[in-house]
N, C-alpha and C. Protein backbone atom coordinates (compact mmCIF):
# COMPACT_ATOMS: atom_id res chain seq x y z
N MET A 1 51.33 69.74 95.12
CA MET A 1 51.68 69.42 96.60
C MET A 1 50.04 68.33 96.82
N SER A 2 49.01 68.44 96.51
CA SER A 2 47.72 67.68 96.73
C SER A 2 47.99 66.52 95.59
N GLU A 3 48.48 65.79 94.83
CA GLU A 3 49.17 64.72 94.30
C GLU A 3 50.06 63.90 95.37
N ARG A 4 50.74 64.45 96.01
CA ARG A 4 51.79 63.55 97.01
C ARG A 4 50.50 63.62 98.44
N LEU A 5 49.46 63.38 98.37
CA LEU A 5 48.70 62.99 99.42
C LEU A 5 47.54 62.18 99.01
N ASN A 6 47.77 61.20 99.43
CA ASN A 6 46.86 60.13 99.39
C ASN A 6 45.91 59.65 100.57
N SER A 7 45.01 58.77 100.37
CA SER A 7 44.32 58.58 101.53
C SER A 7 45.41 57.85 102.96
N ALA A 8 46.28 57.20 102.82
CA ALA A 8 46.77 56.63 103.37
C ALA A 8 47.30 57.85 104.24
N ALA A 9 47.95 58.90 103.65
CA ALA A 9 49.11 60.25 104.20
C ALA A 9 47.93 60.86 105.00
N VAL A 10 46.38 60.82 104.29
CA VAL A 10 45.52 61.62 105.31
C VAL A 10 44.96 61.01 106.51
N ALA A 11 45.11 59.85 106.26
CA ALA A 11 44.76 58.96 107.54
C ALA A 11 45.80 58.95 108.63
N GLU A 12 46.82 59.03 108.10
CA GLU A 12 47.92 58.86 109.31
C GLU A 12 47.89 59.99 109.87
N LYS A 13 47.53 61.35 109.26
CA LYS A 13 47.69 62.72 109.99
C LYS A 13 46.51 63.22 110.87
N ALA A 14 45.53 62.40 110.45
CA ALA A 14 44.20 63.07 111.01
C ALA A 14 44.05 62.59 112.50
N ILE A 15 43.25 63.30 113.01
CA ILE A 15 42.42 63.59 114.25
C ILE A 15 40.92 62.71 114.35
N VAL A 16 40.55 61.70 114.89
CA VAL A 16 39.48 61.59 114.73
C VAL A 16 39.28 61.48 116.00
N HIS A 17 37.91 61.94 116.52
CA HIS A 17 37.34 61.43 117.69
C HIS A 17 35.95 60.83 117.55
N VAL A 18 36.22 59.95 118.50
CA VAL A 18 34.82 58.94 118.61
C VAL A 18 33.79 59.83 119.09
N GLU A 19 34.05 61.01 120.03
CA GLU A 19 32.64 61.17 120.51
C GLU A 19 32.82 62.39 120.50
N LEU A 20 31.82 63.25 119.84
CA LEU A 20 31.93 65.08 120.27
C LEU A 20 32.06 65.47 121.74
N PRO A 21 33.52 66.12 121.93
CA PRO A 21 33.37 67.15 123.58
C PRO A 21 31.98 67.43 124.01
N ARG A 22 31.71 66.75 125.09
CA ARG A 22 30.94 67.86 125.73
C ARG A 22 31.25 67.97 127.20
N ALA A 23 30.47 69.31 127.36
CA ALA A 23 31.05 69.76 128.81
C ALA A 23 30.13 69.64 129.64
N ARG A 24 30.12 68.13 130.39
CA ARG A 24 29.55 67.70 131.47
C ARG A 24 28.42 67.31 131.15
N GLY A 25 27.92 66.42 130.29
CA GLY A 25 26.80 66.29 129.42
C GLY A 25 25.83 67.16 129.31
N ALA A 26 26.20 68.50 128.99
CA ALA A 26 25.33 69.08 127.92
C ALA A 26 25.63 68.81 126.54
N ALA A 27 24.44 69.30 125.80
CA ALA A 27 24.34 68.54 124.46
C ALA A 27 25.21 69.82 123.72
N HIS A 28 25.76 69.16 122.44
CA HIS A 28 27.02 69.88 121.61
C HIS A 28 25.88 70.56 121.05
N ALA A 29 26.69 72.05 121.10
CA ALA A 29 25.50 73.31 120.93
C ALA A 29 25.57 73.28 119.50
N LEU A 30 26.34 73.47 118.50
CA LEU A 30 26.31 73.53 116.83
C LEU A 30 25.48 71.97 116.16
N PHE A 31 25.55 70.89 116.94
CA PHE A 31 24.90 69.69 116.15
C PHE A 31 23.48 69.53 116.78
N GLU A 32 23.43 69.92 118.12
CA GLU A 32 22.21 69.20 118.71
C GLU A 32 21.08 70.61 118.94
N ARG A 33 21.39 71.34 118.18
CA ARG A 33 20.59 73.17 118.91
C ARG A 33 19.31 72.15 117.22
N SER A 34 17.95 72.62 118.28
CA SER A 34 17.28 72.54 117.08
C SER A 34 16.92 74.18 116.69
N GLU A 35 15.92 74.23 115.72
CA GLU A 35 15.69 75.56 114.88
C GLU A 35 14.18 76.00 115.51
N PRO A 36 14.40 77.31 116.00
CA PRO A 36 13.31 77.72 116.64
C PRO A 36 11.83 77.32 116.04
N THR A 37 11.03 77.68 116.65
CA THR A 37 9.55 77.68 116.28
C THR A 37 9.09 78.93 115.76
N LEU A 38 8.58 78.90 114.78
CA LEU A 38 7.95 80.66 114.28
C LEU A 38 7.59 81.22 115.64
N ALA A 39 6.74 80.90 116.56
CA ALA A 39 6.25 81.74 117.53
C ALA A 39 7.77 81.95 118.50
N GLU A 40 8.67 81.50 118.53
CA GLU A 40 9.88 81.73 118.90
C GLU A 40 10.64 82.79 118.41
N ALA A 41 10.83 82.23 116.70
CA ALA A 41 11.36 83.87 116.01
C ALA A 41 10.70 84.88 116.01
N ILE A 42 9.47 84.86 116.08
CA ILE A 42 8.83 86.07 116.51
C ILE A 42 8.90 86.67 117.57
N ALA A 43 8.76 86.20 118.55
CA ALA A 43 9.21 86.68 119.93
C ALA A 43 10.43 87.14 120.34
N THR A 44 11.54 86.43 119.70
CA THR A 44 12.97 86.74 120.19
C THR A 44 13.48 88.24 118.61
N TYR A 45 12.62 88.41 117.99
CA TYR A 45 12.78 89.34 116.72
C TYR A 45 13.02 90.35 117.27
N ARG A 46 14.33 91.39 116.91
CA ARG A 46 14.07 92.94 117.27
C ARG A 46 14.48 93.65 115.87
N ALA A 47 13.64 94.53 115.81
CA ALA A 47 13.54 95.53 114.43
C ALA A 47 15.43 96.51 114.73
N PRO A 48 15.42 96.18 113.71
CA PRO A 48 16.77 97.28 113.76
C PRO A 48 16.22 98.87 113.40
N ASP A 49 17.48 99.39 114.05
CA ASP A 49 17.53 100.51 114.66
C ASP A 49 17.53 101.33 113.40
N ALA A 50 17.08 102.85 113.33
CA ALA A 50 17.17 103.47 112.12
C ALA A 50 18.46 104.09 112.12
N VAL A 51 19.26 103.84 112.78
CA VAL A 51 20.91 104.11 112.33
C VAL A 51 21.34 103.23 111.53
N GLU A 52 20.83 101.67 112.11
CA GLU A 52 21.39 100.90 110.97
C GLU A 52 20.84 100.27 109.67
N THR A 53 19.24 100.97 109.85
CA THR A 53 18.50 101.39 108.13
C THR A 53 19.01 102.76 107.64
N ALA A 54 19.83 103.51 107.87
CA ALA A 54 19.55 104.70 107.49
C ALA A 54 20.63 104.73 105.94
N ASN A 55 20.31 105.23 105.25
CA ASN A 55 21.14 104.98 103.75
C ASN A 55 22.22 105.68 104.06
N ILE A 56 23.36 105.57 104.07
CA ILE A 56 24.31 105.99 104.01
C ILE A 56 25.09 106.35 102.97
N ARG A 57 25.34 107.36 102.56
CA ARG A 57 26.06 107.85 101.38
C ARG A 57 27.19 108.43 100.95
N GLN A 58 28.37 107.63 100.21
CA GLN A 58 29.53 108.41 100.36
C GLN A 58 29.87 108.73 99.20
N ASP A 59 30.21 109.69 99.05
CA ASP A 59 30.72 110.23 97.98
C ASP A 59 31.86 109.90 97.25
N VAL A 60 31.68 108.95 95.90
CA VAL A 60 32.86 108.59 95.30
C VAL A 60 33.07 108.88 93.94
N ASP A 61 34.15 109.49 93.85
CA ASP A 61 34.23 109.73 91.95
C ASP A 61 34.28 108.84 91.26
N ARG A 62 33.47 108.96 90.62
CA ARG A 62 33.51 107.58 89.44
C ARG A 62 33.50 108.10 88.28
N THR A 63 34.36 109.05 87.94
CA THR A 63 33.97 110.14 86.50
C THR A 63 35.66 109.90 86.35
N PHE A 64 36.41 109.18 86.75
CA PHE A 64 37.68 108.90 86.40
C PHE A 64 38.60 110.39 86.18
N GLU A 65 37.54 111.21 86.21
CA GLU A 65 38.14 113.23 85.76
C GLU A 65 38.41 112.58 84.35
N MET A 66 38.25 111.85 83.97
CA MET A 66 38.35 112.09 82.00
C MET A 66 36.88 112.93 81.49
N PRO A 67 37.13 113.96 80.30
CA PRO A 67 36.26 114.71 79.89
C PRO A 67 34.95 113.54 79.04
N SER A 68 34.12 114.19 78.94
CA SER A 68 32.71 113.25 78.63
C SER A 68 33.21 112.78 76.87
N VAL A 69 33.24 114.08 76.34
CA VAL A 69 33.85 114.12 75.08
C VAL A 69 34.75 112.83 74.67
N LEU A 70 35.46 112.70 75.77
CA LEU A 70 36.57 111.22 74.94
C LEU A 70 35.41 109.83 75.38
N TYR A 71 34.53 109.62 76.32
CA TYR A 71 33.66 108.64 76.28
C TYR A 71 32.77 108.68 75.03
N GLY A 72 32.44 110.04 74.18
CA GLY A 72 31.33 110.03 73.54
C GLY A 72 32.52 109.72 72.03
N ALA A 73 33.78 109.67 72.03
CA ALA A 73 34.48 109.75 70.94
C ALA A 73 34.72 108.17 70.84
N THR A 74 34.59 107.49 71.81
CA THR A 74 35.20 105.89 72.30
C THR A 74 33.77 105.18 71.63
N VAL A 75 32.62 105.99 72.05
CA VAL A 75 31.38 105.06 71.50
C VAL A 75 31.40 105.54 70.03
N ALA A 76 31.83 106.27 69.52
CA ALA A 76 31.38 107.02 68.37
C ALA A 76 32.33 105.90 67.36
N LEU A 77 33.62 105.84 68.12
CA LEU A 77 34.72 104.74 67.17
C LEU A 77 34.34 103.53 66.91
N TYR A 78 33.47 103.10 68.24
CA TYR A 78 32.91 101.67 68.33
C TYR A 78 32.22 101.22 67.67
N LEU A 79 30.79 102.46 67.35
CA LEU A 79 30.06 102.64 66.38
C LEU A 79 30.49 102.73 65.14
N GLY A 80 31.37 102.99 64.87
CA GLY A 80 31.84 103.39 63.69
C GLY A 80 32.52 102.12 62.97
N PHE A 81 33.50 101.71 63.81
CA PHE A 81 33.21 100.16 63.40
C PHE A 81 32.40 98.67 62.91
N ILE A 82 31.09 99.22 63.72
CA ILE A 82 30.33 98.25 63.56
C ILE A 82 29.81 99.01 62.18
N ALA A 83 29.55 100.17 61.95
CA ALA A 83 29.07 100.69 60.38
C ALA A 83 29.92 100.13 59.44
N ILE A 84 31.33 100.53 59.76
CA ILE A 84 32.18 100.02 58.37
C ILE A 84 31.92 98.55 58.29
N LEU A 85 32.35 97.38 59.27
CA LEU A 85 31.65 96.22 58.76
C LEU A 85 30.21 95.82 58.69
N GLY A 86 29.01 96.47 58.74
CA GLY A 86 27.97 96.54 58.29
C GLY A 86 27.95 96.70 57.05
N VAL A 87 28.19 98.09 56.32
CA VAL A 87 28.08 98.63 55.27
C VAL A 87 29.24 97.67 54.39
N GLY A 88 30.62 97.46 54.29
CA GLY A 88 31.21 96.59 53.87
C GLY A 88 30.87 95.23 53.48
N LEU A 89 30.22 94.78 54.53
CA LEU A 89 30.13 93.22 53.72
C LEU A 89 28.59 93.09 54.46
N SER A 90 27.81 94.42 53.46
CA SER A 90 26.56 93.78 53.88
C SER A 90 25.74 92.89 52.80
N THR A 91 25.36 92.14 53.73
CA THR A 91 24.61 90.77 53.96
C THR A 91 23.13 91.03 54.40
N PRO A 92 22.32 90.41 54.21
CA PRO A 92 21.04 90.48 55.24
C PRO A 92 20.94 89.28 56.09
N GLU A 93 22.22 88.62 56.44
CA GLU A 93 22.39 87.81 57.41
C GLU A 93 23.06 88.19 58.79
N LEU A 94 23.82 89.39 58.09
CA LEU A 94 24.31 90.41 59.33
C LEU A 94 24.10 91.29 59.54
N ALA A 95 22.61 91.62 59.25
CA ALA A 95 21.78 92.68 59.67
C ALA A 95 21.51 92.86 61.30
N ILE A 96 21.00 91.78 61.83
CA ILE A 96 20.74 91.54 62.81
C ILE A 96 21.71 91.45 64.01
N PRO A 97 22.53 90.82 63.90
CA PRO A 97 23.95 90.65 64.75
C PRO A 97 24.40 91.94 64.80
N MET A 98 24.65 92.98 63.70
CA MET A 98 25.23 94.28 63.87
C MET A 98 24.62 95.34 64.48
N ALA A 99 22.93 94.98 64.51
CA ALA A 99 22.16 96.00 65.49
C ALA A 99 22.14 95.63 66.44
N ILE A 100 22.58 94.22 66.93
CA ILE A 100 22.48 93.57 68.48
C ILE A 100 23.74 94.50 69.05
N PHE A 101 24.73 94.33 68.06
CA PHE A 101 26.53 94.73 68.51
C PHE A 101 26.21 96.38 69.19
N ALA A 102 25.67 96.66 68.46
CA ALA A 102 25.09 98.28 68.56
C ALA A 102 24.58 98.63 69.25
N ILE A 103 23.05 97.67 69.86
CA ILE A 103 22.52 97.96 70.79
C ILE A 103 23.38 98.20 71.84
N PHE A 104 24.45 96.65 71.99
CA PHE A 104 25.33 96.19 73.09
C PHE A 104 25.95 97.43 73.56
N ILE A 105 26.92 98.31 72.90
CA ILE A 105 27.89 99.81 72.61
C ILE A 105 26.88 100.41 73.40
N VAL A 106 25.71 100.88 72.42
CA VAL A 106 25.42 102.05 73.52
C VAL A 106 24.98 101.76 74.61
N GLY A 107 24.28 100.34 75.30
CA GLY A 107 23.96 99.91 76.28
C GLY A 107 24.90 100.43 77.85
N LEU A 108 26.47 99.49 77.11
CA LEU A 108 27.25 99.16 78.19
C LEU A 108 27.92 101.15 78.01
N PHE A 109 27.56 101.62 77.45
CA PHE A 109 28.38 103.11 77.56
C PHE A 109 26.77 104.16 78.26
N GLY A 110 25.73 104.02 77.74
CA GLY A 110 24.75 104.51 78.35
C GLY A 110 23.88 104.20 79.88
N ALA A 111 24.25 103.24 80.05
CA ALA A 111 23.78 102.98 81.44
C ALA A 111 24.53 103.64 82.53
N PRO A 112 25.44 103.37 82.34
CA PRO A 112 26.36 104.23 83.54
C PRO A 112 26.21 105.73 83.38
N ALA A 113 26.82 105.97 82.41
CA ALA A 113 25.94 107.47 81.95
C ALA A 113 24.72 107.88 82.85
N LEU A 114 24.16 107.34 82.62
CA LEU A 114 22.61 107.40 83.12
C LEU A 114 22.44 107.29 84.43
N TRP A 115 23.63 106.24 85.24
CA TRP A 115 23.25 105.85 86.71
C TRP A 115 24.54 107.40 87.44
N LEU A 116 24.94 107.95 86.73
CA LEU A 116 25.56 109.32 86.97
C LEU A 116 25.39 110.39 87.12
N GLY A 117 23.85 110.32 86.38
CA GLY A 117 22.97 111.90 86.36
C GLY A 117 21.81 111.31 87.55
N LEU A 118 21.87 110.22 88.36
CA LEU A 118 20.62 109.84 89.36
C LEU A 118 21.33 110.45 90.57
N GLY A 119 20.18 110.92 91.59
CA GLY A 119 20.36 110.89 92.55
C GLY A 119 21.01 112.16 92.70
N ARG A 120 21.45 112.96 93.79
CA ARG A 120 22.18 113.74 94.38
C ARG A 120 23.70 114.29 93.53
N LYS A 121 23.86 115.02 93.28
CA LYS A 121 24.91 115.22 91.66
C LYS A 121 26.29 115.03 93.27
N PRO A 122 26.66 114.35 92.39
CA PRO A 122 28.34 114.30 93.16
C PRO A 122 29.05 115.66 93.77
N GLU A 123 29.85 115.49 94.09
CA GLU A 123 30.78 116.64 94.37
C GLU A 123 32.09 116.80 93.42
N ALA A 124 32.53 115.11 93.01
CA ALA A 124 33.31 115.08 92.05
C ALA A 124 32.76 115.56 90.86
N LYS A 125 33.76 116.37 89.97
CA LYS A 125 33.28 116.46 88.47
C LYS A 125 34.01 116.07 87.97
N ALA A 126 33.80 115.81 86.56
CA ALA A 126 35.08 115.00 85.45
C ALA A 126 35.79 116.66 84.97
N LYS A 127 36.93 116.25 84.53
CA LYS A 127 37.40 117.43 83.66
C LYS A 127 37.02 117.87 82.29
N SER A 128 36.68 119.34 81.86
CA SER A 128 36.67 119.51 80.47
C SER A 128 38.11 119.00 80.31
N PHE A 129 37.89 119.40 78.59
CA PHE A 129 38.95 118.81 77.79
C PHE A 129 40.09 119.39 77.57
N GLY A 130 39.64 121.11 77.70
CA GLY A 130 40.74 122.26 78.21
C GLY A 130 41.78 122.07 79.42
N GLU A 131 40.97 121.82 80.41
CA GLU A 131 41.39 121.30 81.48
C GLU A 131 42.40 120.24 81.57
N LEU A 132 42.23 118.94 80.82
CA LEU A 132 42.84 118.26 80.95
C LEU A 132 44.01 118.15 80.33
N MET A 133 43.93 118.40 79.14
CA MET A 133 45.21 119.43 78.41
C MET A 133 46.03 120.34 79.13
N ARG A 134 45.32 121.40 79.72
CA ARG A 134 46.61 122.18 80.37
C ARG A 134 47.13 121.42 81.89
N GLY A 135 46.05 120.47 82.68
CA GLY A 135 46.93 120.29 83.77
C GLY A 135 47.36 118.66 83.72
N GLY A 136 46.91 117.82 82.93
CA GLY A 136 47.06 116.30 82.91
C GLY A 136 46.48 115.89 83.90
N ILE A 137 46.63 114.85 84.23
CA ILE A 137 45.87 113.41 85.20
C ILE A 137 47.16 112.83 86.25
N GLN A 138 46.80 112.80 87.54
CA GLN A 138 47.50 111.97 88.15
C GLN A 138 46.67 110.57 88.31
N THR A 139 47.51 109.54 87.97
CA THR A 139 47.15 107.75 87.37
C THR A 139 47.66 107.29 88.65
N HIS A 140 47.00 105.89 88.71
CA HIS A 140 47.47 105.03 89.58
C HIS A 140 49.30 104.89 89.39
N THR A 141 49.92 104.45 88.34
CA THR A 141 50.73 105.10 87.84
C THR A 141 51.78 105.90 87.69
N GLY A 142 51.19 107.22 87.88
CA GLY A 142 52.34 108.21 88.01
C GLY A 142 51.12 109.51 87.39
N PHE A 143 52.00 110.50 86.98
CA PHE A 143 51.35 111.66 86.48
C PHE A 143 51.26 111.72 84.76
N LEU A 144 50.42 112.20 83.99
CA LEU A 144 50.13 112.01 82.88
C LEU A 144 50.06 113.14 82.21
N LYS A 145 50.59 113.64 81.60
CA LYS A 145 50.07 114.69 80.41
C LYS A 145 49.02 114.29 79.99
N GLY A 146 48.30 115.45 80.01
CA GLY A 146 46.77 115.50 78.95
C GLY A 146 47.00 114.83 77.72
N ARG A 147 48.32 114.89 76.72
CA ARG A 147 47.93 114.38 75.63
C ARG A 147 47.98 113.01 75.83
N ASP A 148 48.99 112.52 76.36
CA ASP A 148 49.18 111.15 76.96
C ASP A 148 48.37 110.33 77.51
N ALA A 149 47.31 111.12 78.20
CA ALA A 149 46.40 110.46 78.46
C ALA A 149 44.92 110.03 77.77
N VAL A 150 45.14 111.07 76.46
CA VAL A 150 44.10 111.45 75.56
C VAL A 150 44.80 109.65 74.59
N ALA A 151 46.15 109.98 74.33
CA ALA A 151 46.48 108.40 73.66
C ALA A 151 45.87 107.42 74.36
N GLN A 152 46.25 107.11 75.48
CA GLN A 152 46.08 106.12 76.08
C GLN A 152 44.87 105.22 75.74
N MET A 153 44.09 106.38 76.35
CA MET A 153 42.32 105.90 76.16
C MET A 153 42.04 105.73 74.71
N MET A 154 42.48 106.71 73.77
CA MET A 154 41.95 106.81 72.85
C MET A 154 43.05 105.15 71.85
N VAL A 155 43.78 104.84 72.12
CA VAL A 155 44.30 103.91 71.31
C VAL A 155 43.70 102.83 70.78
N LEU A 156 42.76 102.13 71.66
CA LEU A 156 42.75 100.90 71.32
C LEU A 156 41.33 100.96 70.24
N PRO A 157 40.21 101.94 70.61
CA PRO A 157 39.13 102.33 69.59
C PRO A 157 39.98 102.73 68.25
N VAL A 158 40.75 103.45 68.36
CA VAL A 158 40.91 103.74 66.81
C VAL A 158 41.78 102.89 66.02
N LEU A 159 42.78 101.68 66.87
CA LEU A 159 43.32 100.38 66.56
C LEU A 159 41.97 99.57 66.10
N ILE A 160 40.75 99.51 66.67
CA ILE A 160 40.22 98.51 66.55
C ILE A 160 38.94 98.79 64.85
N VAL A 161 39.05 100.43 64.77
CA VAL A 161 38.42 101.07 63.16
C VAL A 161 39.10 100.48 62.32
N LEU A 162 41.00 101.05 62.45
CA LEU A 162 41.49 100.56 61.81
C LEU A 162 41.61 99.40 61.14
N TRP A 163 41.06 98.06 62.08
CA TRP A 163 41.18 96.75 62.21
C TRP A 163 39.94 96.64 61.18
N GLY A 164 38.91 97.19 61.23
CA GLY A 164 37.79 96.93 60.33
C GLY A 164 38.31 97.18 59.28
N CYS A 165 38.63 98.93 58.89
CA CYS A 165 39.14 98.64 57.42
C CYS A 165 39.86 97.73 57.15
N THR A 166 40.95 97.33 57.60
CA THR A 166 41.73 96.58 57.04
C THR A 166 41.10 95.20 56.84
N VAL A 167 39.90 94.67 57.66
CA VAL A 167 39.56 93.36 57.09
C VAL A 167 38.81 93.69 56.13
N LEU A 168 37.96 94.83 55.76
CA LEU A 168 37.23 95.04 54.40
C LEU A 168 38.41 94.98 53.08
N VAL A 169 39.56 95.82 53.47
CA VAL A 169 40.75 95.90 52.24
C VAL A 169 41.11 94.15 52.03
N ILE A 170 41.11 93.52 52.93
CA ILE A 170 41.55 92.31 52.55
C ILE A 170 40.25 91.28 52.04
N ALA A 171 39.34 91.33 52.23
CA ALA A 171 37.69 91.00 51.96
C ALA A 171 37.70 91.49 50.18
N GLY A 172 38.18 92.60 50.11
CA GLY A 172 37.86 93.21 48.97
C GLY A 172 38.98 92.63 47.98
N VAL A 173 39.77 92.54 48.33
CA VAL A 173 41.02 91.72 47.49
C VAL A 173 40.81 89.92 47.29
N VAL A 174 40.24 89.84 48.05
CA VAL A 174 40.16 88.03 48.21
C VAL A 174 38.85 87.95 47.17
N SER A 175 38.11 88.94 47.28
CA SER A 175 36.83 88.33 46.56
C SER A 175 37.00 89.09 44.79
N ALA A 176 37.67 90.12 44.81
CA ALA A 176 38.24 90.23 43.12
C ALA A 176 39.00 89.25 42.44
């Protein structure tokens, strides 16, 4: 639609005011108001009420009800991928990038885990692995059995490790 608008079409539809509307000679408040001086700003300052500044905490479930062991397995598989490639394609040039990747993986999973442990203990608690397998989990798209939820959560980390193994096999075949 914007390609059909040219300056002539815009000018034709535009309403142009020669002068800003004024209320009986008064200055227009938006354009002709001066900034207050420091003394005026201090004089008109009102401290916020205690109710406004109170730290209102809402108890939010950030566990996704998934067992911690699944997050640990995800981290282990990602680090396993880095280890597979680091050992299989071991060159001195890859040592620093692989260490950086490992630090990022640990940091990206470790920081949220530390944040969950800070402050007051939330009322929401993650399910144990047994509870997940027995009771399943309610997701946004519907109810999932425990095994289906585990499969859905672990498919990507497992595929990434298999991809790393495939890369090593291809590298071995090419170099042989």
